[in-house]
Amino acid sequence: MTGPWRSHNAFGQECTAPKNGKWSKEEAEKLVDVIRECCANRQVDSEALLNGDQKIKGIWEDVAKSFPHRPVNSVYRKGLRVIQSTKNKTGPWSEIEKSKLLALVTQYGKKWAKISTILGRSGDACFDKYRTINWDYESGPWSDADIEKLLKLVEEYS
């Protein structure tokens, strides 16, 4: 998604102090309640939010109005995860699932919706797991050589 959805709240205002990162338990509970209320008002079930039913046009903006400190995109992504968590598997990935994920990406490419239906996990979960499996990075404390290299680059580009 691009454009105002990414940085604007549901009132069309730029989020000057957007809240990013993990949602609190209270926010997540409120989100579930607001989604239920918006679905009831439109006489649709939450499944329609996953299927892109025409009746839901504009519903995420309506939901996001209860979270003016969060961009609509953030509300949308969290909302999908909340809905999908009730119908998809959650929790740690087994080695078999990881292998299957890699094989499916080889077979279908990065078509997360298709892969998610086969694995029974959300598209976001599949994307995130794939990214962590294939992310070439080092973790842990920085070595003295890494710190020295960083300082040289900062000095060079400052």
C-alpha atoms as a PDB file:
ATOM      1  CA  MET A   1       0.000   0.000   0.000  1.00  0.00           C
ATOM      2  CA  THR A   2       1.196   3.433  -0.783  1.00  0.00           C
ATOM      3  CA  GLY A   3      -0.087   6.951  -0.413  1.00  0.00           C
ATOM      4  CA  PRO A   4      -2.012   8.430   2.483  1.00  0.00           C
ATOM      5  CA  TRP A   5      -3.003   5.060   3.939  1.00  0.00           C
ATOM      6  CA  ARG A   6       0.559   4.583   5.092  1.00  0.00           C
ATOM      7  CA  SER A   7       1.077   7.827   6.993  1.00  0.00           C
ATOM      8  CA  HIS A   8      -2.368   9.323   7.579  1.00  0.00           C
ATOM      9  CA  ASN A   9      -4.964   8.482  10.173  1.00  0.00           C
ATOM     10  CA  ALA A  10      -8.599   7.795   9.318  1.00  0.00           C
ATOM     11  CA  PHE A  11      -9.421  11.502   9.502  1.00  0.00           C
ATOM     12  CA  GLY A  12      -7.029  12.165   6.601  1.00  0.00           C
ATOM     13  CA  GLN A  13      -4.588  13.895   8.914  1.00  0.00           C
ATOM     14  CA  GLU A  14      -0.865  13.241   8.836  1.00  0.00           C
ATOM     15  CA  CYS A  15       0.073  11.246  11.916  1.00  0.00           C
ATOM     16  CA  THR A  16       2.465  13.780  13.429  1.00  0.00           C
ATOM     17  CA  ALA A  17       3.247  11.526  16.381  1.00  0.00           C
ATOM     18  CA  PRO A  18       2.168   8.129  15.094  1.00  0.00           C
ATOM     19  CA  LYS A  19       2.301   5.239  17.469  1.00  0.00           C
ATOM     20  CA  ASN A  20       4.361   2.522  15.858  1.00  0.00           C
ATOM     21  CA  GLY A  21       5.373  -0.887  17.002  1.00  0.00           C
ATOM     22  CA  LYS A  22       3.665  -3.459  19.109  1.00  0.00           C
ATOM     23  CA  TRP A  23       0.018  -3.008  19.949  1.00  0.00           C
ATOM     24  CA  SER A  24      -0.855  -3.100  23.630  1.00  0.00           C
ATOM     25  CA  LYS A  25      -3.238  -5.757  24.912  1.00  0.00           C
ATOM     26  CA  GLU A  26      -5.841  -3.038  25.527  1.00  0.00           C
ATOM     27  CA  GLU A  27      -5.494  -1.720  21.960  1.00  0.00           C
ATOM     28  CA  ALA A  28      -5.837  -5.219  20.514  1.00  0.00           C
ATOM     29  CA  GLU A  29      -8.963  -5.886  22.581  1.00  0.00           C
ATOM     30  CA  LYS A  30     -10.430  -2.547  21.538  1.00  0.00           C
ATOM     31  CA  LEU A  31      -9.626  -3.353  17.901  1.00  0.00           C
ATOM     32  CA  VAL A  32     -11.581  -6.617  18.119  1.00  0.00           C
ATOM     33  CA  ASP A  33     -14.562  -4.773  19.616  1.00  0.00           C
ATOM     34  CA  VAL A  34     -14.463  -2.024  16.976  1.00  0.00           C
ATOM     35  CA  ILE A  35     -14.210  -4.566  14.141  1.00  0.00           C
ATOM     36  CA  ARG A  36     -17.225  -6.445  15.528  1.00  0.00           C
ATOM     37  CA  GLU A  37     -19.199  -3.213  15.828  1.00  0.00           C
ATOM     38  CA  CYS A  38     -18.346  -2.056  12.290  1.00  0.00           C
ATOM     39  CA  CYS A  39     -19.203  -5.480  10.872  1.00  0.00           C
ATOM     40  CA  ALA A  40     -22.533  -5.482  12.748  1.00  0.00           C
ATOM     41  CA  ASN A  41     -23.346  -2.002  11.422  1.00  0.00           C
ATOM     42  CA  ARG A  42     -22.762  -3.206   7.857  1.00  0.00           C
ATOM     43  CA  GLN A  43     -24.389  -6.586   8.472  1.00  0.00           C
ATOM     44  CA  VAL A  44     -21.314  -8.563   7.414  1.00  0.00           C
ATOM     45  CA  ASP A  45     -19.162 -11.049   9.285  1.00  0.00           C
ATOM     46  CA  SER A  46     -15.439 -10.678   9.756  1.00  0.00           C
ATOM     47  CA  GLU A  47     -14.853 -13.223   6.971  1.00  0.00           C
ATOM     48  CA  ALA A  48     -15.954 -10.521   4.512  1.00  0.00           C
ATOM     49  CA  LEU A  49     -12.961  -8.445   5.628  1.00  0.00           C
ATOM     50  CA  LEU A  50     -10.646 -11.196   4.434  1.00  0.00           C
ATOM     51  CA  ASN A  51     -12.445 -11.738   1.131  1.00  0.00           C
ATOM     52  CA  GLY A  52     -12.636  -8.106   0.017  1.00  0.00           C
ATOM     53  CA  ASP A  53     -16.444  -8.149  -0.154  1.00  0.00           C
ATOM     54  CA  GLN A  54     -17.815  -4.931  -1.743  1.00  0.00           C
ATOM     55  CA  LYS A  55     -19.954  -4.298   1.369  1.00  0.00           C
ATOM     56  CA  ILE A  56     -16.807  -3.552   3.349  1.00  0.00           C
ATOM     57  CA  LYS A  57     -15.575  -0.670   1.217  1.00  0.00           C
ATOM     58  CA  GLY A  58     -14.285   1.983   3.618  1.00  0.00           C
ATOM     59  CA  ILE A  59     -14.640  -0.203   6.714  1.00  0.00           C
ATOM     60  CA  TRP A  60     -10.947  -0.009   7.635  1.00  0.00           C
ATOM     61  CA  GLU A  61     -11.108   3.788   7.666  1.00  0.00           C
ATOM     62  CA  ASP A  62     -14.137   3.495   9.970  1.00  0.00           C
ATOM     63  CA  VAL A  63     -12.277   1.090  12.259  1.00  0.00           C
ATOM     64  CA  ALA A  64      -9.182   3.301  12.236  1.00  0.00           C
ATOM     65  CA  LYS A  65     -11.148   6.314  13.482  1.00  0.00           C
ATOM     66  CA  SER A  66     -10.993   4.692  16.920  1.00  0.00           C
ATOM     67  CA  PHE A  67      -7.182   4.817  16.693  1.00  0.00           C
ATOM     68  CA  PRO A  68      -6.302   8.380  15.577  1.00  0.00           C
ATOM     69  CA  HIS A  69      -2.671   7.914  16.647  1.00  0.00           C
ATOM     70  CA  ARG A  70      -2.211   4.984  14.248  1.00  0.00           C
ATOM     71  CA  PRO A  71      -2.054   5.159  10.443  1.00  0.00           C
ATOM     72  CA  VAL A  72      -4.893   3.361   8.645  1.00  0.00           C
ATOM     73  CA  ASN A  73      -2.384   0.881   7.208  1.00  0.00           C
ATOM     74  CA  SER A  74      -1.296  -0.113  10.708  1.00  0.00           C
ATOM     75  CA  VAL A  75      -4.905  -0.666  11.784  1.00  0.00           C
ATOM     76  CA  TYR A  76      -5.605  -2.637   8.607  1.00  0.00           C
ATOM     77  CA  ARG A  77      -2.575  -4.939   8.997  1.00  0.00           C
ATOM     78  CA  LYS A  78      -3.222  -5.584  12.688  1.00  0.00           C
ATOM     79  CA  GLY A  79      -6.931  -6.100  12.015  1.00  0.00           C
ATOM     80  CA  LEU A  80      -6.211  -8.741   9.390  1.00  0.00           C
ATOM     81  CA  ARG A  81      -3.831 -10.537  11.747  1.00  0.00           C
ATOM     82  CA  VAL A  82      -6.446 -10.510  14.513  1.00  0.00           C
ATOM     83  CA  ILE A  83      -9.120 -11.951  12.213  1.00  0.00           C
ATOM     84  CA  GLN A  84      -6.786 -14.487  10.646  1.00  0.00           C
ATOM     85  CA  SER A  85      -5.505 -15.678  14.022  1.00  0.00           C
ATOM     86  CA  THR A  86      -8.920 -17.171  14.739  1.00  0.00           C
ATOM     87  CA  LYS A  87      -8.868 -19.286  11.588  1.00  0.00           C
ATOM     88  CA  ASN A  88      -5.182 -19.953  10.931  1.00  0.00           C
ATOM     89  CA  LYS A  89      -2.538 -21.824  12.834  1.00  0.00           C
ATOM     90  CA  THR A  90      -0.375 -19.678  15.096  1.00  0.00           C
ATOM     91  CA  GLY A  91       2.705 -20.335  17.204  1.00  0.00           C
ATOM     92  CA  PRO A  92       6.182 -21.637  16.449  1.00  0.00           C
ATOM     93  CA  TRP A  93       6.943 -23.093  13.041  1.00  0.00           C
ATOM     94  CA  SER A  94       8.065 -26.722  12.828  1.00  0.00           C
ATOM     95  CA  GLU A  95      11.043 -27.682  10.677  1.00  0.00           C
ATOM     96  CA  ILE A  96       8.621 -29.479   8.320  1.00  0.00           C
ATOM     97  CA  GLU A  97       6.564 -26.284   7.908  1.00  0.00           C
ATOM     98  CA  LYS A  98       9.696 -24.261   7.199  1.00  0.00           C
ATOM     99  CA  SER A  99      10.790 -26.745   4.536  1.00  0.00           C
ATOM    100  CA  LYS A 100       7.320 -26.730   3.024  1.00  0.00           C
ATOM    101  CA  LEU A 101       7.330 -22.912   2.984  1.00  0.00           C
ATOM    102  CA  LEU A 102      10.633 -22.809   1.104  1.00  0.00           C
ATOM    103  CA  ALA A 103       9.388 -25.404  -1.383  1.00  0.00           C
ATOM    104  CA  LEU A 104       6.151 -23.481  -1.962  1.00  0.00           C
ATOM    105  CA  VAL A 105       8.042 -20.214  -2.552  1.00  0.00           C
ATOM    106  CA  THR A 106      10.192 -22.051  -5.101  1.00  0.00           C
ATOM    107  CA  GLN A 107       7.056 -23.443  -6.753  1.00  0.00           C
ATOM    108  CA  TYR A 108       4.743 -20.382  -6.649  1.00  0.00           C
ATOM    109  CA  GLY A 109       7.054 -17.453  -6.049  1.00  0.00           C
ATOM    110  CA  LYS A 110       6.162 -14.938  -3.368  1.00  0.00           C
ATOM    111  CA  LYS A 111       2.408 -15.398  -3.748  1.00  0.00           C
ATOM    112  CA  TRP A 112       1.682 -15.244  -0.028  1.00  0.00           C
ATOM    113  CA  ALA A 113      -2.110 -15.591  -0.328  1.00  0.00           C
ATOM    114  CA  LYS A 114      -1.762 -18.883  -2.214  1.00  0.00           C
ATOM    115  CA  ILE A 115       0.971 -20.177   0.071  1.00  0.00           C
ATOM    116  CA  SER A 116      -1.003 -19.187   3.172  1.00  0.00           C
ATOM    117  CA  THR A 117      -4.021 -21.259   2.134  1.00  0.00           C
ATOM    118  CA  ILE A 118      -1.822 -24.324   1.624  1.00  0.00           C
ATOM    119  CA  LEU A 119       0.033 -23.939   4.927  1.00  0.00           C
ATOM    120  CA  GLY A 120      -2.949 -22.773   6.990  1.00  0.00           C
ATOM    121  CA  ARG A 121      -1.030 -19.729   8.209  1.00  0.00           C
ATOM    122  CA  SER A 122      -1.680 -16.067   7.454  1.00  0.00           C
ATOM    123  CA  GLY A 123       0.025 -14.476   4.469  1.00  0.00           C
ATOM    124  CA  ASP A 124       1.853 -12.119   6.829  1.00  0.00           C
ATOM    125  CA  ALA A 125       3.102 -15.056   8.896  1.00  0.00           C
ATOM    126  CA  CYS A 126       4.406 -16.790   5.758  1.00  0.00           C
ATOM    127  CA  PHE A 127       6.113 -13.618   4.539  1.00  0.00           C
ATOM    128  CA  ASP A 128       7.679 -12.927   7.940  1.00  0.00           C
ATOM    129  CA  LYS A 129       8.950 -16.484   8.368  1.00  0.00           C
ATOM    130  CA  TYR A 130      10.374 -16.547   4.846  1.00  0.00           C
ATOM    131  CA  ARG A 131      12.100 -13.236   5.479  1.00  0.00           C
ATOM    132  CA  THR A 132      13.688 -14.470   8.725  1.00  0.00           C
ATOM    133  CA  ILE A 133      14.803 -17.742   7.128  1.00  0.00           C
ATOM    134  CA  ASN A 134      16.471 -15.919   4.230  1.00  0.00           C
ATOM    135  CA  TRP A 135      17.686 -12.852   6.073  1.00  0.00           C
ATOM    136  CA  ASP A 136      21.451 -12.817   5.950  1.00  0.00           C
ATOM    137  CA  TYR A 137      22.417 -10.984   9.098  1.00  0.00           C
ATOM    138  CA  GLU A 138      24.503 -11.413  12.195  1.00  0.00           C
ATOM    139  CA  SER A 139      22.986 -11.069  15.629  1.00  0.00           C
ATOM    140  CA  GLY A 140      24.600 -10.458  18.973  1.00  0.00           C
ATOM    141  CA  PRO A 141      27.082  -7.876  20.206  1.00  0.00           C
ATOM    142  CA  TRP A 142      29.064  -5.876  17.693  1.00  0.00           C
ATOM    143  CA  SER A 143      32.701  -6.897  17.264  1.00  0.00           C
ATOM    144  CA  ASP A 144      35.479  -4.330  17.657  1.00  0.00           C
ATOM    145  CA  ALA A 145      36.139  -4.614  13.906  1.00  0.00           C
ATOM    146  CA  ASP A 146      32.472  -3.883  13.113  1.00  0.00           C
ATOM    147  CA  ILE A 147      32.448  -0.844  15.392  1.00  0.00           C
ATOM    148  CA  GLU A 148      35.660   0.453  13.809  1.00  0.00           C
ATOM    149  CA  LYS A 149      34.216  -0.057  10.313  1.00  0.00           C
ATOM    150  CA  LEU A 150      31.011   1.766  11.275  1.00  0.00           C
ATOM    151  CA  LEU A 151      32.924   4.722  12.723  1.00  0.00           C
ATOM    152  CA  LYS A 152      35.019   5.023   9.543  1.00  0.00           C
ATOM    153  CA  LEU A 153      31.886   4.988   7.382  1.00  0.00           C
ATOM    154  CA  VAL A 154      30.161   7.590   9.566  1.00  0.00           C
ATOM    155  CA  GLU A 155      33.220   9.809   9.367  1.00  0.00           C
ATOM    156  CA  GLU A 156      33.489   9.270   5.603  1.00  0.00           C
ATOM    157  CA  TYR A 157      29.847  10.101   4.855  1.00  0.00           C
ATOM    158  CA  SER A 158      29.295  12.866   7.442  1.00  0.00           C
END
